[in-house]
Structures are given as C-alpha cells and as structure tokens.
Amino acid sequence: MPTLNIKNERVYELARQLADATGTSMTSVIESALEEKLERLRRHHAADTRARLAELDAIVARTAPALRDLPDDPTAFLYDEDSGLPR
C-alpha cells in the first residue's frame, strides 16, 4: 500500500490536532480534507462552466439576428458570377 510521509511540521501538527479533536486517525482527517477540497473545486468549476455558458448564450442571442440576414454564401461578392474567378 502507498504511504504518505508528511515532512512539513506545520501540516503534520494540523493533521494531528484535527485527528485529536475529531477522535479519528490522521489518515482519516487528511482523506476528509482532501475530499472536501476536491468537492469545493468541482462545485467552483461547475459554477464557472455555467457562467461561461450563460455568457455564450448572451452572445448568441445578440448576434443571431444579424446572422439571419446574411446571404447563403457571404463570400459570393468576392467572385465573378460568370467566371467564378476572384474580382
């Protein structure tokens, strides 16, 4: 089984204090702290994603009317109708 060797005295002491306060092992408090941090990060990421999607929806809502007025081929004016060559 993998081991975790905590060499930072402050981190070790914090883990020990939390283990003593909760009556659990240091491994349990570290596991719990890591799970809680990951969950916070996941929630934050989900919120960021929702915010970005809302911004994109707003951009689409603003630009969609202008895009409806475009011709089927918006580059057609660049080419001669008869020859198909650039003007």
PDB file of N, CA and C in Angstrom:
ATOM      1  N   MET A   1       0.847  -1.185   0.000  1.00  0.00           N
ATOM      2  CA  MET A   1       0.000   0.000   0.000  1.00  0.00           C
ATOM      3  C   MET A   1       0.889   1.244   0.000  1.00  0.00           C
ATOM      4  N   PRO A   2       0.522   2.280  -0.768  1.00  0.00           N
ATOM      5  CA  PRO A   2       1.316   3.513  -0.795  1.00  0.00           C
ATOM      6  C   PRO A   2       1.309   4.184   0.576  1.00  0.00           C
ATOM      7  N   THR A   3       2.364   4.876   0.862  1.00  0.00           N
ATOM      8  CA  THR A   3       2.445   5.613   2.126  1.00  0.00           C
ATOM      9  C   THR A   3       2.575   7.092   1.841  1.00  0.00           C
ATOM     10  N   LEU A   4       2.227   7.873   2.829  1.00  0.00           N
ATOM     11  CA  LEU A   4       2.356   9.320   2.736  1.00  0.00           C
ATOM     12  C   LEU A   4       3.236   9.760   3.895  1.00  0.00           C
ATOM     13  N   ASN A   5       4.338  10.367   3.577  1.00  0.00           N
ATOM     14  CA  ASN A   5       5.272  10.817   4.592  1.00  0.00           C
ATOM     15  C   ASN A   5       5.214  12.334   4.632  1.00  0.00           C
ATOM     16  N   ILE A   6       4.611  12.878   5.676  1.00  0.00           N
ATOM     17  CA  ILE A   6       4.462  14.330   5.794  1.00  0.00           C
ATOM     18  C   ILE A   6       5.713  14.892   6.453  1.00  0.00           C
ATOM     19  N   LYS A   7       6.455  15.688   5.705  1.00  0.00           N
ATOM     20  CA  LYS A   7       7.708  16.236   6.218  1.00  0.00           C
ATOM     21  C   LYS A   7       7.565  17.680   6.683  1.00  0.00           C
ATOM     22  N   ASN A   8       6.415  18.257   6.449  1.00  0.00           N
ATOM     23  CA  ASN A   8       6.153  19.629   6.872  1.00  0.00           C
ATOM     24  C   ASN A   8       5.589  19.587   8.287  1.00  0.00           C
ATOM     25  N   GLU A   9       6.319  20.161   9.233  1.00  0.00           N
ATOM     26  CA  GLU A   9       5.912  20.087  10.643  1.00  0.00           C
ATOM     27  C   GLU A   9       4.551  20.726  10.898  1.00  0.00           C
ATOM     28  N   ARG A  10       4.296  21.844  10.249  1.00  0.00           N
ATOM     29  CA  ARG A  10       3.007  22.530  10.451  1.00  0.00           C
ATOM     30  C   ARG A  10       1.856  21.660   9.945  1.00  0.00           C
ATOM     31  N   VAL A  11       1.999  21.085   8.774  1.00  0.00           N
ATOM     32  CA  VAL A  11       0.951  20.233   8.216  1.00  0.00           C
ATOM     33  C   VAL A  11       0.741  19.015   9.112  1.00  0.00           C
ATOM     34  N   TYR A  12       1.822  18.418   9.561  1.00  0.00           N
ATOM     35  CA  TYR A  12       1.723  17.262  10.452  1.00  0.00           C
ATOM     36  C   TYR A  12       0.981  17.640  11.737  1.00  0.00           C
ATOM     37  N   GLU A  13       1.340  18.776  12.305  1.00  0.00           N
ATOM     38  CA  GLU A  13       0.710  19.212  13.559  1.00  0.00           C
ATOM     39  C   GLU A  13      -0.776  19.526  13.357  1.00  0.00           C
ATOM     40  N   LEU A  14      -1.117  20.166  12.251  1.00  0.00           N
ATOM     41  CA  LEU A  14      -2.531  20.449  11.965  1.00  0.00           C
ATOM     42  C   LEU A  14      -3.315  19.153  11.820  1.00  0.00           C
ATOM     43  N   ALA A  15      -2.755  18.199  11.111  1.00  0.00           N
ATOM     44  CA  ALA A  15      -3.426  16.904  10.947  1.00  0.00           C
ATOM     45  C   ALA A  15      -3.576  16.204  12.294  1.00  0.00           C
ATOM     46  N   ARG A  16      -2.547  16.271  13.120  1.00  0.00           N
ATOM     47  CA  ARG A  16      -2.620  15.648  14.443  1.00  0.00           C
ATOM     48  C   ARG A  16      -3.689  16.306  15.308  1.00  0.00           C
ATOM     49  N   GLN A  17      -3.719  17.639  15.299  1.00  0.00           N
ATOM     50  CA  GLN A  17      -4.713  18.374  16.103  1.00  0.00           C
ATOM     51  C   GLN A  17      -6.132  18.028  15.645  1.00  0.00           C
ATOM     52  N   LEU A  18      -6.350  17.988  14.347  1.00  0.00           N
ATOM     53  CA  LEU A  18      -7.681  17.664  13.836  1.00  0.00           C
ATOM     54  C   LEU A  18      -8.055  16.226  14.157  1.00  0.00           C
ATOM     55  N   ALA A  19      -7.096  15.339  14.065  1.00  0.00           N
ATOM     56  CA  ALA A  19      -7.355  13.939  14.425  1.00  0.00           C
ATOM     57  C   ALA A  19      -7.724  13.836  15.904  1.00  0.00           C
ATOM     58  N   ASP A  20      -6.992  14.538  16.768  1.00  0.00           N
ATOM     59  CA  ASP A  20      -7.309  14.526  18.201  1.00  0.00           C
ATOM     60  C   ASP A  20      -8.692  15.118  18.461  1.00  0.00           C
ATOM     61  N   ALA A  21      -9.007  16.221  17.793  1.00  0.00           N
ATOM     62  CA  ALA A  21     -10.287  16.905  18.012  1.00  0.00           C
ATOM     63  C   ALA A  21     -11.475  16.075  17.537  1.00  0.00           C
ATOM     64  N   THR A  22     -11.265  15.289  16.505  1.00  0.00           N
ATOM     65  CA  THR A  22     -12.375  14.507  15.951  1.00  0.00           C
ATOM     66  C   THR A  22     -12.380  13.058  16.424  1.00  0.00           C
ATOM     67  N   GLY A  23     -11.311  12.662  17.099  1.00  0.00           N
ATOM     68  CA  GLY A  23     -11.230  11.286  17.574  1.00  0.00           C
ATOM     69  C   GLY A  23     -11.017  10.283  16.450  1.00  0.00           C
ATOM     70  N   THR A  24     -10.422  10.741  15.370  1.00  0.00           N
ATOM     71  CA  THR A  24     -10.159   9.855  14.236  1.00  0.00           C
ATOM     72  C   THR A  24      -8.659   9.824  13.963  1.00  0.00           C
ATOM     73  N   SER A  25      -8.281   9.036  12.982  1.00  0.00           N
ATOM     74  CA  SER A  25      -6.864   8.929  12.639  1.00  0.00           C
ATOM     75  C   SER A  25      -6.429  10.110  11.773  1.00  0.00           C
ATOM     76  N   MET A  26      -5.133  10.311  11.743  1.00  0.00           N
ATOM     77  CA  MET A  26      -4.605  11.361  10.871  1.00  0.00           C
ATOM     78  C   MET A  26      -4.916  11.045   9.413  1.00  0.00           C
ATOM     79  N   THR A  27      -4.876   9.781   9.064  1.00  0.00           N
ATOM     80  CA  THR A  27      -5.215   9.381   7.694  1.00  0.00           C
ATOM     81  C   THR A  27      -6.646   9.776   7.369  1.00  0.00           C
ATOM     82  N   SER A  28      -7.561   9.552   8.314  1.00  0.00           N
ATOM     83  CA  SER A  28      -8.968   9.895   8.086  1.00  0.00           C
ATOM     84  C   SER A  28      -9.171  11.392   7.913  1.00  0.00           C
ATOM     85  N   VAL A  29      -8.505  12.193   8.738  1.00  0.00           N
ATOM     86  CA  VAL A  29      -8.708  13.642   8.608  1.00  0.00           C
ATOM     87  C   VAL A  29      -8.086  14.162   7.320  1.00  0.00           C
ATOM     88  N   ILE A  30      -6.965  13.594   6.912  1.00  0.00           N
ATOM     89  CA  ILE A  30      -6.354  14.013   5.641  1.00  0.00           C
ATOM     90  C   ILE A  30      -7.253  13.608   4.479  1.00  0.00           C
ATOM     91  N   GLU A  31      -7.783  12.388   4.538  1.00  0.00           N
ATOM     92  CA  GLU A  31      -8.699  11.927   3.490  1.00  0.00           C
ATOM     93  C   GLU A  31      -9.922  12.838   3.406  1.00  0.00           C
ATOM     94  N   SER A  32     -10.492  13.149   4.553  1.00  0.00           N
ATOM     95  CA  SER A  32     -11.685  14.005   4.590  1.00  0.00           C
ATOM     96  C   SER A  32     -11.374  15.403   4.051  1.00  0.00           C
ATOM     97  N   ALA A  33     -10.249  15.952   4.462  1.00  0.00           N
ATOM     98  CA  ALA A  33      -9.875  17.292   3.994  1.00  0.00           C
ATOM     99  C   ALA A  33      -9.668  17.309   2.484  1.00  0.00           C
ATOM    100  N   LEU A  34      -9.029  16.276   1.957  1.00  0.00           N
ATOM    101  CA  LEU A  34      -8.809  16.211   0.514  1.00  0.00           C
ATOM    102  C   LEU A  34     -10.121  16.044  -0.241  1.00  0.00           C
ATOM    103  N   GLU A  35     -11.015  15.217   0.279  1.00  0.00           N
ATOM    104  CA  GLU A  35     -12.322  15.041  -0.364  1.00  0.00           C
ATOM    105  C   GLU A  35     -13.110  16.347  -0.364  1.00  0.00           C
ATOM    106  N   GLU A  36     -13.105  17.058   0.767  1.00  0.00           N
ATOM    107  CA  GLU A  36     -13.822  18.335   0.858  1.00  0.00           C
ATOM    108  C   GLU A  36     -13.247  19.354  -0.116  1.00  0.00           C
ATOM    109  N   LYS A  37     -11.925  19.428  -0.215  1.00  0.00           N
ATOM    110  CA  LYS A  37     -11.291  20.380  -1.140  1.00  0.00           C
ATOM    111  C   LYS A  37     -11.634  20.037  -2.591  1.00  0.00           C
ATOM    112  N   LEU A  38     -11.571  18.757  -2.932  1.00  0.00           N
ATOM    113  CA  LEU A  38     -11.940  18.352  -4.293  1.00  0.00           C
ATOM    114  C   LEU A  38     -13.388  18.691  -4.607  1.00  0.00           C
ATOM    115  N   GLU A  39     -14.276  18.484  -3.663  1.00  0.00           N
ATOM    116  CA  GLU A  39     -15.690  18.812  -3.882  1.00  0.00           C
ATOM    117  C   GLU A  39     -15.878  20.315  -4.094  1.00  0.00           C
ATOM    118  N   ARG A  40     -15.190  21.138  -3.291  1.00  0.00           N
ATOM    119  CA  ARG A  40     -15.266  22.594  -3.483  1.00  0.00           C
ATOM    120  C   ARG A  40     -14.756  22.990  -4.868  1.00  0.00           C
ATOM    121  N   LEU A  41     -13.644  22.373  -5.292  1.00  0.00           N
ATOM    122  CA  LEU A  41     -13.113  22.673  -6.622  1.00  0.00           C
ATOM    123  C   LEU A  41     -14.085  22.264  -7.711  1.00  0.00           C
ATOM    124  N   ARG A  42     -14.713  21.109  -7.556  1.00  0.00           N
ATOM    125  CA  ARG A  42     -15.687  20.649  -8.557  1.00  0.00           C
ATOM    126  C   ARG A  42     -16.884  21.595  -8.626  1.00  0.00           C
ATOM    127  N   ARG A  43     -17.380  22.029  -7.465  1.00  0.00           N
ATOM    128  CA  ARG A  43     -18.506  22.972  -7.458  1.00  0.00           C
ATOM    129  C   ARG A  43     -18.106  24.293  -8.108  1.00  0.00           C
ATOM    130  N   HIS A  44     -16.901  24.761  -7.783  1.00  0.00           N
ATOM    131  CA  HIS A  44     -16.415  26.021  -8.358  1.00  0.00           C
ATOM    132  C   HIS A  44     -16.284  25.883  -9.876  1.00  0.00           C
ATOM    133  N   HIS A  45     -15.722  24.770 -10.328  1.00  0.00           N
ATOM    134  CA  HIS A  45     -15.574  24.533 -11.769  1.00  0.00           C
ATOM    135  C   HIS A  45     -16.942  24.490 -12.450  1.00  0.00           C
ATOM    136  N   ALA A  46     -17.903  23.814 -11.812  1.00  0.00           N
ATOM    137  CA  ALA A  46     -19.252  23.733 -12.394  1.00  0.00           C
ATOM    138  C   ALA A  46     -19.876  25.121 -12.486  1.00  0.00           C
ATOM    139  N   ALA A  47     -19.674  25.937 -11.450  1.00  0.00           N
ATOM    140  CA  ALA A  47     -20.221  27.301 -11.467  1.00  0.00           C
ATOM    141  C   ALA A  47     -19.558  28.125 -12.573  1.00  0.00           C
ATOM    142  N   ASP A  48     -18.246  27.977 -12.727  1.00  0.00           N
ATOM    143  CA  ASP A  48     -17.542  28.688 -13.798  1.00  0.00           C
ATOM    144  C   ASP A  48     -18.062  28.265 -15.163  1.00  0.00           C
ATOM    145  N   THR A  49     -18.289  26.978 -15.329  1.00  0.00           N
ATOM    146  CA  THR A  49     -18.794  26.463 -16.600  1.00  0.00           C
ATOM    147  C   THR A  49     -20.180  27.025 -16.887  1.00  0.00           C
ATOM    148  N   ARG A  50     -21.042  27.041 -15.868  1.00  0.00           N
ATOM    149  CA  ARG A  50     -22.388  27.605 -16.063  1.00  0.00           C
ATOM    150  C   ARG A  50     -22.310  29.088 -16.421  1.00  0.00           C
ATOM    151  N   ALA A  51     -21.404  29.819 -15.788  1.00  0.00           N
ATOM    152  CA  ALA A  51     -21.258  31.245 -16.084  1.00  0.00           C
ATOM    153  C   ALA A  51     -20.771  31.451 -17.515  1.00  0.00           C
ATOM    154  N   ARG A  52     -19.790  30.637 -17.957  1.00  0.00           N
ATOM    155  CA  ARG A  52     -19.300  30.764 -19.328  1.00  0.00           C
ATOM    156  C   ARG A  52     -20.390  30.430 -20.337  1.00  0.00           C
ATOM    157  N   LEU A  53     -21.184  29.390 -20.045  1.00  0.00           N
ATOM    158  CA  LEU A  53     -22.270  29.039 -20.953  1.00  0.00           C
ATOM    159  C   LEU A  53     -23.313  30.153 -21.018  1.00  0.00           C
ATOM    160  N   ALA A  54     -23.586  30.791 -19.899  1.00  0.00           N
ATOM    161  CA  ALA A  54     -24.531  31.912 -19.893  1.00  0.00           C
ATOM    162  C   ALA A  54     -23.997  33.067 -20.745  1.00  0.00           C
ATOM    163  N   GLU A  55     -22.688  33.328 -20.652  1.00  0.00           N
ATOM    164  CA  GLU A  55     -22.083  34.374 -21.478  1.00  0.00           C
ATOM    165  C   GLU A  55     -22.199  34.033 -22.963  1.00  0.00           C
ATOM    166  N   LEU A  56     -21.934  32.776 -23.296  1.00  0.00           N
ATOM    167  CA  LEU A  56     -22.057  32.360 -24.703  1.00  0.00           C
ATOM    168  C   LEU A  56     -23.502  32.464 -25.186  1.00  0.00           C
ATOM    169  N   ASP A  57     -24.455  32.078 -24.350  1.00  0.00           N
ATOM    170  CA  ASP A  57     -25.868  32.208 -24.716  1.00  0.00           C
ATOM    171  C   ASP A  57     -26.218  33.666 -24.988  1.00  0.00           C
ATOM    172  N   ALA A  58     -25.694  34.579 -24.171  1.00  0.00           N
ATOM    173  CA  ALA A  58     -25.966  36.002 -24.367  1.00  0.00           C
ATOM    174  C   ALA A  58     -25.365  36.495 -25.682  1.00  0.00           C
ATOM    175  N   ILE A  59     -24.161  36.037 -26.005  1.00  0.00           N
ATOM    176  CA  ILE A  59     -23.524  36.422 -27.273  1.00  0.00           C
ATOM    177  C   ILE A  59     -24.335  35.911 -28.451  1.00  0.00           C
ATOM    178  N   VAL A  60     -24.762  34.674 -28.375  1.00  0.00           N
ATOM    179  CA  VAL A  60     -25.573  34.098 -29.454  1.00  0.00           C
ATOM    180  C   VAL A  60     -26.875  34.872 -29.606  1.00  0.00           C
ATOM    181  N   ALA A  61     -27.506  35.211 -28.489  1.00  0.00           N
ATOM    182  CA  ALA A  61     -28.772  35.948 -28.549  1.00  0.00           C
ATOM    183  C   ALA A  61     -28.580  37.316 -29.210  1.00  0.00           C
ATOM    184  N   ARG A  62     -27.433  37.960 -28.943  1.00  0.00           N
ATOM    185  CA  ARG A  62     -27.177  39.283 -29.545  1.00  0.00           C
ATOM    186  C   ARG A  62     -26.817  39.180 -31.019  1.00  0.00           C
ATOM    187  N   THR A  63     -26.107  38.138 -31.411  1.00  0.00           N
ATOM    188  CA  THR A  63     -25.618  38.069 -32.785  1.00  0.00           C
ATOM    189  C   THR A  63     -26.533  37.297 -33.731  1.00  0.00           C
ATOM    190  N   ALA A  64     -27.386  36.457 -33.224  1.00  0.00           N
ATOM    191  CA  ALA A  64     -28.247  35.633 -34.083  1.00  0.00           C
ATOM    192  C   ALA A  64     -29.073  36.464 -35.062  1.00  0.00           C
ATOM    193  N   PRO A  65     -29.695  37.571 -34.647  1.00  0.00           N
ATOM    194  CA  PRO A  65     -30.489  38.341 -35.614  1.00  0.00           C
ATOM    195  C   PRO A  65     -29.653  38.841 -36.796  1.00  0.00           C
ATOM    196  N   ALA A  66     -28.436  39.256 -36.549  1.00  0.00           N
ATOM    197  CA  ALA A  66     -27.589  39.750 -37.640  1.00  0.00           C
ATOM    198  C   ALA A  66     -27.194  38.610 -38.575  1.00  0.00           C
ATOM    199  N   LEU A  67     -27.009  37.439 -38.043  1.00  0.00           N
ATOM    200  CA  LEU A  67     -26.607  36.298 -38.868  1.00  0.00           C
ATOM    201  C   LEU A  67     -27.736  35.824 -39.775  1.00  0.00           C
ATOM    202  N   ARG A  68     -28.976  36.051 -39.374  1.00  0.00           N
ATOM    203  CA  ARG A  68     -30.116  35.645 -40.209  1.00  0.00           C
ATOM    204  C   ARG A  68     -30.157  36.420 -41.516  1.00  0.00           C
ATOM    205  N   ASP A  69     -29.612  37.635 -41.533  1.00  0.00           N
ATOM    206  CA  ASP A  69     -29.657  38.483 -42.717  1.00  0.00           C
ATOM    207  C   ASP A  69     -28.515  38.213 -43.697  1.00  0.00           C
ATOM    208  N   LEU A  70     -27.623  37.334 -43.375  1.00  0.00           N
ATOM    209  CA  LEU A  70     -26.508  37.044 -44.273  1.00  0.00           C
ATOM    210  C   LEU A  70     -26.996  36.237 -45.473  1.00  0.00           C
ATOM    211  N   PRO A  71     -26.389  36.461 -46.642  1.00  0.00           N
ATOM    212  CA  PRO A  71     -26.749  35.644 -47.804  1.00  0.00           C
ATOM    213  C   PRO A  71     -26.272  34.206 -47.585  1.00  0.00           C
ATOM    214  N   ASP A  72     -26.778  33.297 -48.404  1.00  0.00           N
ATOM    215  CA  ASP A  72     -26.371  31.895 -48.280  1.00  0.00           C
ATOM    216  C   ASP A  72     -24.860  31.747 -48.383  1.00  0.00           C
ATOM    217  N   ASP A  73     -24.249  32.490 -49.290  1.00  0.00           N
ATOM    218  CA  ASP A  73     -22.790  32.466 -49.433  1.00  0.00           C
ATOM    219  C   ASP A  73     -22.269  33.877 -49.192  1.00  0.00           C
ATOM    220  N   PRO A  74     -21.817  34.166 -47.987  1.00  0.00           N
ATOM    221  CA  PRO A  74     -21.386  35.539 -47.677  1.00  0.00           C
ATOM    222  C   PRO A  74     -20.114  35.959 -48.405  1.00  0.00           C
ATOM    223  N   THR A  75     -19.450  35.037 -49.095  1.00  0.00           N
ATOM    224  CA  THR A  75     -18.245  35.402 -49.856  1.00  0.00           C
ATOM    225  C   THR A  75     -18.528  35.561 -51.349  1.00  0.00           C
ATOM    226  N   ALA A  76     -19.778  35.407 -51.747  1.00  0.00           N
ATOM    227  CA  ALA A  76     -20.127  35.443 -53.176  1.00  0.00           C
ATOM    228  C   ALA A  76     -19.697  36.745 -53.842  1.00  0.00           C
ATOM    229  N   PHE A  77     -19.744  37.862 -53.138  1.00  0.00           N
ATOM    230  CA  PHE A  77     -19.394  39.153 -53.740  1.00  0.00           C
ATOM    231  C   PHE A  77     -17.913  39.208 -54.131  1.00  0.00           C
ATOM    232  N   LEU A  78     -17.105  38.312 -53.635  1.00  0.00           N
ATOM    233  CA  LEU A  78     -15.677  38.311 -53.954  1.00  0.00           C
ATOM    234  C   LEU A  78     -15.375  37.711 -55.328  1.00  0.00           C
ATOM    235  N   TYR A  79     -16.348  37.007 -55.897  1.00  0.00           N
ATOM    236  CA  TYR A  79     -16.104  36.261 -57.131  1.00  0.00           C
ATOM    237  C   TYR A  79     -17.047  36.701 -58.250  1.00  0.00           C
ATOM    238  N   ASP A  80     -16.544  36.670 -59.460  1.00  0.00           N
ATOM    239  CA  ASP A  80     -17.336  36.978 -60.637  1.00  0.00           C
ATOM    240  C   ASP A  80     -18.335  35.848 -60.860  1.00  0.00           C
ATOM    241  N   GLU A  81     -19.600  36.197 -61.085  1.00  0.00           N
ATOM    242  CA  GLU A  81     -20.639  35.166 -61.248  1.00  0.00           C
ATOM    243  C   GLU A  81     -20.396  34.293 -62.459  1.00  0.00           C
ATOM    244  N   ASP A  82     -19.925  34.887 -63.530  1.00  0.00           N
ATOM    245  CA  ASP A  82     -19.748  34.128 -64.779  1.00  0.00           C
ATOM    246  C   ASP A  82     -18.517  33.220 -64.756  1.00  0.00           C
ATOM    247  N   SER A  83     -17.394  33.792 -64.375  1.00  0.00           N
ATOM    248  CA  SER A  83     -16.137  33.034 -64.457  1.00  0.00           C
ATOM    249  C   SER A  83     -15.820  32.290 -63.154  1.00  0.00           C
ATOM    250  N   GLY A  84     -16.353  32.756 -62.058  1.00  0.00           N
ATOM    251  CA  GLY A  84     -16.032  32.147 -60.760  1.00  0.00           C
ATOM    252  C   GLY A  84     -14.681  32.572 -60.223  1.00  0.00           C
ATOM    253  N   LEU A  85     -14.001  33.464 -60.968  1.00  0.00           N
ATOM    254  CA  LEU A  85     -12.695  33.927 -60.552  1.00  0.00           C
ATOM    255  C   LEU A  85     -12.838  35.104 -59.582  1.00  0.00           C
ATOM    256  N   PRO A  86     -11.827  35.350 -58.778  1.00  0.00           N
ATOM    257  CA  PRO A  86     -11.876  36.496 -57.886  1.00  0.00           C
ATOM    258  C   PRO A  86     -12.015  37.793 -58.659  1.00  0.00           C
ATOM    259  N   ARG A  87     -12.699  38.728 -58.130  1.00  0.00           N
ATOM    260  CA  ARG A  87     -12.882  40.031 -58.787  1.00  0.00           C
ATOM    261  C   ARG A  87     -11.675  40.889 -58.643  1.00  0.00           C
TER     262      ARG A  87
END
